[in-house]
């Protein structure tokens, strides 16, 4: 295979840019998901909601799965926590630079947990308080999610897989402790 070298570096263009071959030419394929269920919580308005589960201690909620998916809850009662992936249905549009709830400076959206994102997907690690396989209901604690939220997936939280010692937290260093008292405001409300 013939490869053109950059005159400046003597390297192939892919090595110069750091991009995979043909990355600029390939377009991502559309992706469609169907919700597996709906999360119910006491949070009925976006404003004033906790911004993370740590700020929702003691807030109960539950996921009602589609009936045909209820058997998938089997054995989940052996886990203390789950990772819930969901559609941020209260968010429309996005900006690539945002001022996150825990900061006053603009940050790249991918360096934040801002709800208005190119793909409106949310993630919360929640405590399991009960599993009703027959009824298709997963009861949860510390729920920071808007009532009526479409749930995309549920995965068991396993500290040996999901918690990394010695991690860095970038601009959030020293600010994460503020999340327990921080509440959502109007800054990410849809502009439409």
C-alpha atoms as a PDB file:
ATOM      1  CA  UNK A   1       0.000   0.000   0.000  1.00  0.00           C
ATOM      2  CA  UNK A   2       1.360   3.410  -0.945  1.00  0.00           C
ATOM      3  CA  UNK A   3       1.243   6.098   1.752  1.00  0.00           C
ATOM      4  CA  UNK A   4       2.014   9.785   1.258  1.00  0.00           C
ATOM      5  CA  UNK A   5       4.361  11.297   3.838  1.00  0.00           C
ATOM      6  CA  UNK A   6       4.052  14.767   5.268  1.00  0.00           C
ATOM      7  CA  UNK A   7       6.873  16.947   3.974  1.00  0.00           C
ATOM      8  CA  UNK A   8       7.276  18.600   7.378  1.00  0.00           C
ATOM      9  CA  UNK A   9       7.469  15.516   9.588  1.00  0.00           C
ATOM     10  CA  UNK A  10       8.273  12.629   7.259  1.00  0.00           C
ATOM     11  CA  UNK A  11       5.335  10.752   8.797  1.00  0.00           C
ATOM     12  CA  UNK A  12       2.132   9.536   7.237  1.00  0.00           C
ATOM     13  CA  UNK A  13      -0.707  12.099   7.533  1.00  0.00           C
ATOM     14  CA  UNK A  14      -2.591   9.795   9.918  1.00  0.00           C
ATOM     15  CA  UNK A  15       0.388   9.807  12.281  1.00  0.00           C
ATOM     16  CA  UNK A  16       0.655  13.596  12.098  1.00  0.00           C
ATOM     17  CA  UNK A  17      -3.006  14.213  12.957  1.00  0.00           C
ATOM     18  CA  UNK A  18      -3.285  11.385  15.471  1.00  0.00           C
ATOM     19  CA  UNK A  19      -6.486  10.275  13.766  1.00  0.00           C
ATOM     20  CA  UNK A  20      -7.327   6.800  12.625  1.00  0.00           C
ATOM     21  CA  UNK A  21      -7.067   6.226   8.871  1.00  0.00           C
ATOM     22  CA  UNK A  22     -10.015   7.733   7.029  1.00  0.00           C
ATOM     23  CA  UNK A  23     -11.529   9.073  10.297  1.00  0.00           C
ATOM     24  CA  UNK A  24     -12.313  12.385   8.650  1.00  0.00           C
ATOM     25  CA  UNK A  25     -14.131  10.706   5.762  1.00  0.00           C
ATOM     26  CA  UNK A  26     -16.305   8.254   7.686  1.00  0.00           C
ATOM     27  CA  UNK A  27     -19.638   9.466   9.017  1.00  0.00           C
ATOM     28  CA  UNK A  28     -21.092   7.853  12.150  1.00  0.00           C
ATOM     29  CA  UNK A  29     -24.162   5.744  11.543  1.00  0.00           C
ATOM     30  CA  UNK A  30     -27.440   6.779  13.205  1.00  0.00           C
ATOM     31  CA  UNK A  31     -28.244   4.895  16.399  1.00  0.00           C
ATOM     32  CA  UNK A  32     -31.744   4.277  17.739  1.00  0.00           C
ATOM     33  CA  UNK A  33     -32.720   2.893  21.137  1.00  0.00           C
ATOM     34  CA  UNK A  34     -36.022   1.831  22.609  1.00  0.00           C
ATOM     35  CA  UNK A  35     -36.482   2.574  26.302  1.00  0.00           C
ATOM     36  CA  UNK A  36     -36.520  -0.520  28.512  1.00  0.00           C
ATOM     37  CA  UNK A  37     -38.746   1.223  31.046  1.00  0.00           C
ATOM     38  CA  UNK A  38     -39.553   4.459  32.813  1.00  0.00           C
ATOM     39  CA  UNK A  39     -38.059   5.899  35.982  1.00  0.00           C
ATOM     40  CA  UNK A  40     -40.446   7.426  38.502  1.00  0.00           C
ATOM     41  CA  UNK A  41     -39.267   9.891  41.139  1.00  0.00           C
ATOM     42  CA  UNK A  42     -40.575  12.818  43.176  1.00  0.00           C
ATOM     43  CA  UNK A  43     -38.629  15.221  40.909  1.00  0.00           C
ATOM     44  CA  UNK A  44     -41.279  16.716  38.620  1.00  0.00           C
ATOM     45  CA  UNK A  45     -39.455  19.941  37.669  1.00  0.00           C
ATOM     46  CA  UNK A  46     -35.921  20.340  36.332  1.00  0.00           C
ATOM     47  CA  UNK A  47     -35.235  23.432  38.432  1.00  0.00           C
ATOM     48  CA  UNK A  48     -34.300  22.641  42.008  1.00  0.00           C
ATOM     49  CA  UNK A  49     -33.403  18.996  41.350  1.00  0.00           C
ATOM     50  CA  UNK A  50     -30.225  17.491  42.811  1.00  0.00           C
ATOM     51  CA  UNK A  51     -27.443  17.440  40.219  1.00  0.00           C
ATOM     52  CA  UNK A  52     -25.957  14.099  41.346  1.00  0.00           C
ATOM     53  CA  UNK A  53     -27.115  11.133  43.481  1.00  0.00           C
ATOM     54  CA  UNK A  54     -24.986  12.382  46.392  1.00  0.00           C
ATOM     55  CA  UNK A  55     -27.354  15.365  46.591  1.00  0.00           C
ATOM     56  CA  UNK A  56     -30.409  13.092  46.540  1.00  0.00           C
ATOM     57  CA  UNK A  57     -29.621  10.990  49.614  1.00  0.00           C
ATOM     58  CA  UNK A  58     -32.783   9.341  50.868  1.00  0.00           C
ATOM     59  CA  UNK A  59     -34.832  10.165  47.748  1.00  0.00           C
ATOM     60  CA  UNK A  60     -36.669   7.023  46.650  1.00  0.00           C
ATOM     61  CA  UNK A  61     -37.753   6.153  43.140  1.00  0.00           C
ATOM     62  CA  UNK A  62     -38.276   3.139  40.949  1.00  0.00           C
ATOM     63  CA  UNK A  63     -37.928   1.878  37.415  1.00  0.00           C
ATOM     64  CA  UNK A  64     -40.948   0.171  35.874  1.00  0.00           C
ATOM     65  CA  UNK A  65     -39.636  -2.087  33.112  1.00  0.00           C
ATOM     66  CA  UNK A  66     -41.530  -3.126  30.015  1.00  0.00           C
ATOM     67  CA  UNK A  67     -43.308  -6.366  30.975  1.00  0.00           C
ATOM     68  CA  UNK A  68     -41.391  -8.563  28.532  1.00  0.00           C
ATOM     69  CA  UNK A  69     -38.067  -7.397  30.031  1.00  0.00           C
ATOM     70  CA  UNK A  70     -38.958  -8.067  33.687  1.00  0.00           C
ATOM     71  CA  UNK A  71     -37.091 -11.431  33.832  1.00  0.00           C
ATOM     72  CA  UNK A  72     -33.884  -9.468  33.166  1.00  0.00           C
ATOM     73  CA  UNK A  73     -34.016  -8.241  36.787  1.00  0.00           C
ATOM     74  CA  UNK A  74     -33.226 -11.752  38.071  1.00  0.00           C
ATOM     75  CA  UNK A  75     -30.193 -11.805  40.409  1.00  0.00           C
ATOM     76  CA  UNK A  76     -29.942  -8.006  40.575  1.00  0.00           C
ATOM     77  CA  UNK A  77     -30.960  -8.139  44.256  1.00  0.00           C
ATOM     78  CA  UNK A  78     -27.437  -9.360  45.073  1.00  0.00           C
ATOM     79  CA  UNK A  79     -25.986  -5.947  44.153  1.00  0.00           C
ATOM     80  CA  UNK A  80     -26.086  -2.874  46.377  1.00  0.00           C
ATOM     81  CA  UNK A  81     -25.884  -0.384  43.484  1.00  0.00           C
ATOM     82  CA  UNK A  82     -26.669  -0.160  39.780  1.00  0.00           C
ATOM     83  CA  UNK A  83     -25.590   2.087  36.945  1.00  0.00           C
ATOM     84  CA  UNK A  84     -28.667   3.518  35.261  1.00  0.00           C
ATOM     85  CA  UNK A  85     -28.327   4.922  31.740  1.00  0.00           C
ATOM     86  CA  UNK A  86     -31.214   7.097  30.629  1.00  0.00           C
ATOM     87  CA  UNK A  87     -32.434   9.614  28.073  1.00  0.00           C
ATOM     88  CA  UNK A  88     -32.338  13.197  29.348  1.00  0.00           C
ATOM     89  CA  UNK A  89     -35.771  13.830  27.854  1.00  0.00           C
ATOM     90  CA  UNK A  90     -36.058  17.263  29.458  1.00  0.00           C
ATOM     91  CA  UNK A  91     -33.019  18.516  27.515  1.00  0.00           C
ATOM     92  CA  UNK A  92     -33.014  19.666  23.920  1.00  0.00           C
ATOM     93  CA  UNK A  93     -30.072  21.021  21.986  1.00  0.00           C
ATOM     94  CA  UNK A  94     -26.542  21.451  23.222  1.00  0.00           C
ATOM     95  CA  UNK A  95     -23.555  23.752  23.357  1.00  0.00           C
ATOM     96  CA  UNK A  96     -19.955  22.602  23.217  1.00  0.00           C
ATOM     97  CA  UNK A  97     -18.864  25.129  25.869  1.00  0.00           C
ATOM     98  CA  UNK A  98     -20.948  25.249  29.042  1.00  0.00           C
ATOM     99  CA  UNK A  99     -20.764  26.698  32.526  1.00  0.00           C
ATOM    100  CA  UNK A 100     -21.399  23.639  34.728  1.00  0.00           C
ATOM    101  CA  UNK A 101     -23.373  23.727  37.958  1.00  0.00           C
ATOM    102  CA  UNK A 102     -20.247  23.375  40.115  1.00  0.00           C
ATOM    103  CA  UNK A 103     -18.228  26.079  38.375  1.00  0.00           C
ATOM    104  CA  UNK A 104     -18.281  29.628  37.043  1.00  0.00           C
ATOM    105  CA  UNK A 105     -15.951  29.051  34.082  1.00  0.00           C
ATOM    106  CA  UNK A 106     -16.890  27.711  30.684  1.00  0.00           C
ATOM    107  CA  UNK A 107     -15.800  24.113  30.129  1.00  0.00           C
ATOM    108  CA  UNK A 108     -15.984  21.711  27.215  1.00  0.00           C
ATOM    109  CA  UNK A 109     -19.258  19.796  27.471  1.00  0.00           C
ATOM    110  CA  UNK A 110     -17.402  16.461  27.458  1.00  0.00           C
ATOM    111  CA  UNK A 111     -15.472  17.555  30.570  1.00  0.00           C
ATOM    112  CA  UNK A 112     -18.764  18.089  32.425  1.00  0.00           C
ATOM    113  CA  UNK A 113     -21.923  16.268  33.432  1.00  0.00           C
ATOM    114  CA  UNK A 114     -24.091  18.980  31.876  1.00  0.00           C
ATOM    115  CA  UNK A 115     -27.491  17.637  30.776  1.00  0.00           C
ATOM    116  CA  UNK A 116     -27.592  19.399  27.382  1.00  0.00           C
ATOM    117  CA  UNK A 117     -25.257  17.228  25.288  1.00  0.00           C
ATOM    118  CA  UNK A 118     -24.904  16.105  21.659  1.00  0.00           C
ATOM    119  CA  UNK A 119     -26.547  12.831  22.748  1.00  0.00           C
ATOM    120  CA  UNK A 120     -28.834  13.445  25.716  1.00  0.00           C
ATOM    121  CA  UNK A 121     -27.706  10.416  27.730  1.00  0.00           C
ATOM    122  CA  UNK A 122     -27.538  10.512  31.522  1.00  0.00           C
ATOM    123  CA  UNK A 123     -25.806   8.172  33.948  1.00  0.00           C
ATOM    124  CA  UNK A 124     -26.420   7.723  37.667  1.00  0.00           C
ATOM    125  CA  UNK A 125     -25.092   5.181  40.156  1.00  0.00           C
ATOM    126  CA  UNK A 126     -28.050   4.435  42.422  1.00  0.00           C
ATOM    127  CA  UNK A 127     -28.603   2.275  45.487  1.00  0.00           C
ATOM    128  CA  UNK A 128     -30.848  -0.765  45.055  1.00  0.00           C
ATOM    129  CA  UNK A 129     -33.570  -0.937  47.701  1.00  0.00           C
ATOM    130  CA  UNK A 130     -35.647  -3.752  46.224  1.00  0.00           C
ATOM    131  CA  UNK A 131     -36.163  -5.928  43.173  1.00  0.00           C
ATOM    132  CA  UNK A 132     -39.568  -7.225  42.104  1.00  0.00           C
ATOM    133  CA  UNK A 133     -38.830  -9.513  39.163  1.00  0.00           C
ATOM    134  CA  UNK A 134     -42.436 -10.650  38.741  1.00  0.00           C
ATOM    135  CA  UNK A 135     -43.706  -7.064  38.708  1.00  0.00           C
ATOM    136  CA  UNK A 136     -40.810  -5.717  36.653  1.00  0.00           C
ATOM    137  CA  UNK A 137     -39.929  -3.056  39.224  1.00  0.00           C
ATOM    138  CA  UNK A 138     -36.498  -1.985  40.461  1.00  0.00           C
ATOM    139  CA  UNK A 139     -36.707   0.178  43.598  1.00  0.00           C
ATOM    140  CA  UNK A 140     -33.892   2.678  44.102  1.00  0.00           C
ATOM    141  CA  UNK A 141     -32.527   5.214  46.587  1.00  0.00           C
ATOM    142  CA  UNK A 142     -30.646   8.483  46.105  1.00  0.00           C
ATOM    143  CA  UNK A 143     -32.530   9.196  42.891  1.00  0.00           C
ATOM    144  CA  UNK A 144     -31.467  12.398  41.107  1.00  0.00           C
ATOM    145  CA  UNK A 145     -33.491  11.775  37.933  1.00  0.00           C
ATOM    146  CA  UNK A 146     -36.588  13.542  36.586  1.00  0.00           C
ATOM    147  CA  UNK A 147     -39.897  11.694  36.894  1.00  0.00           C
ATOM    148  CA  UNK A 148     -40.955   9.989  33.662  1.00  0.00           C
ATOM    149  CA  UNK A 149     -37.411   9.572  32.360  1.00  0.00           C
ATOM    150  CA  UNK A 150     -36.973   6.858  29.713  1.00  0.00           C
ATOM    151  CA  UNK A 151     -34.429   4.283  30.920  1.00  0.00           C
ATOM    152  CA  UNK A 152     -31.995   2.892  28.331  1.00  0.00           C
ATOM    153  CA  UNK A 153     -30.120   0.312  30.390  1.00  0.00           C
ATOM    154  CA  UNK A 154     -29.346  -0.971  33.879  1.00  0.00           C
ATOM    155  CA  UNK A 155     -25.983  -2.472  34.778  1.00  0.00           C
ATOM    156  CA  UNK A 156     -24.679  -3.749  38.130  1.00  0.00           C
ATOM    157  CA  UNK A 157     -22.150  -1.448  39.778  1.00  0.00           C
ATOM    158  CA  UNK A 158     -19.005  -3.428  40.662  1.00  0.00           C
ATOM    159  CA  UNK A 159     -16.351  -1.396  42.525  1.00  0.00           C
ATOM    160  CA  UNK A 160     -13.522  -3.640  41.281  1.00  0.00           C
ATOM    161  CA  UNK A 161     -14.523  -2.708  37.704  1.00  0.00           C
ATOM    162  CA  UNK A 162     -15.971   0.772  38.127  1.00  0.00           C
ATOM    163  CA  UNK A 163     -13.894   2.546  40.813  1.00  0.00           C
ATOM    164  CA  UNK A 164     -10.292   3.347  39.976  1.00  0.00           C
ATOM    165  CA  UNK A 165      -7.846   4.222  42.770  1.00  0.00           C
ATOM    166  CA  UNK A 166      -5.639   7.249  42.216  1.00  0.00           C
ATOM    167  CA  UNK A 167      -7.932   8.785  39.628  1.00  0.00           C
ATOM    168  CA  UNK A 168      -7.755  12.465  38.622  1.00  0.00           C
ATOM    169  CA  UNK A 169     -10.852  14.642  38.538  1.00  0.00           C
ATOM    170  CA  UNK A 170      -9.636  17.623  36.509  1.00  0.00           C
ATOM    171  CA  UNK A 171     -11.382  20.929  37.169  1.00  0.00           C
ATOM    172  CA  UNK A 172     -13.783  19.172  39.578  1.00  0.00           C
ATOM    173  CA  UNK A 173     -10.976  18.549  42.075  1.00  0.00           C
ATOM    174  CA  UNK A 174     -12.196  20.024  45.356  1.00  0.00           C
ATOM    175  CA  UNK A 175     -15.611  20.930  43.917  1.00  0.00           C
ATOM    176  CA  UNK A 176     -17.282  17.513  43.880  1.00  0.00           C
ATOM    177  CA  UNK A 177     -18.049  17.784  47.593  1.00  0.00           C
ATOM    178  CA  UNK A 178     -20.358  20.706  46.746  1.00  0.00           C
ATOM    179  CA  UNK A 179     -22.636  18.427  44.685  1.00  0.00           C
ATOM    180  CA  UNK A 180     -24.606  17.286  47.729  1.00  0.00           C
ATOM    181  CA  UNK A 181     -26.032  20.786  48.220  1.00  0.00           C
ATOM    182  CA  UNK A 182     -26.020  22.045  44.610  1.00  0.00           C
ATOM    183  CA  UNK A 183     -29.364  22.133  42.815  1.00  0.00           C
ATOM    184  CA  UNK A 184     -30.295  22.455  39.169  1.00  0.00           C
ATOM    185  CA  UNK A 185     -31.158  25.918  37.917  1.00  0.00           C
ATOM    186  CA  UNK A 186     -32.236  27.424  34.605  1.00  0.00           C
ATOM    187  CA  UNK A 187     -28.823  27.417  32.887  1.00  0.00           C
ATOM    188  CA  UNK A 188     -29.441  24.198  30.918  1.00  0.00           C
ATOM    189  CA  UNK A 189     -33.107  24.718  30.163  1.00  0.00           C
ATOM    190  CA  UNK A 190     -33.838  24.348  26.466  1.00  0.00           C
ATOM    191  CA  UNK A 191     -33.680  27.609  24.531  1.00  0.00           C
ATOM    192  CA  UNK A 192     -36.485  26.534  22.194  1.00  0.00           C
END
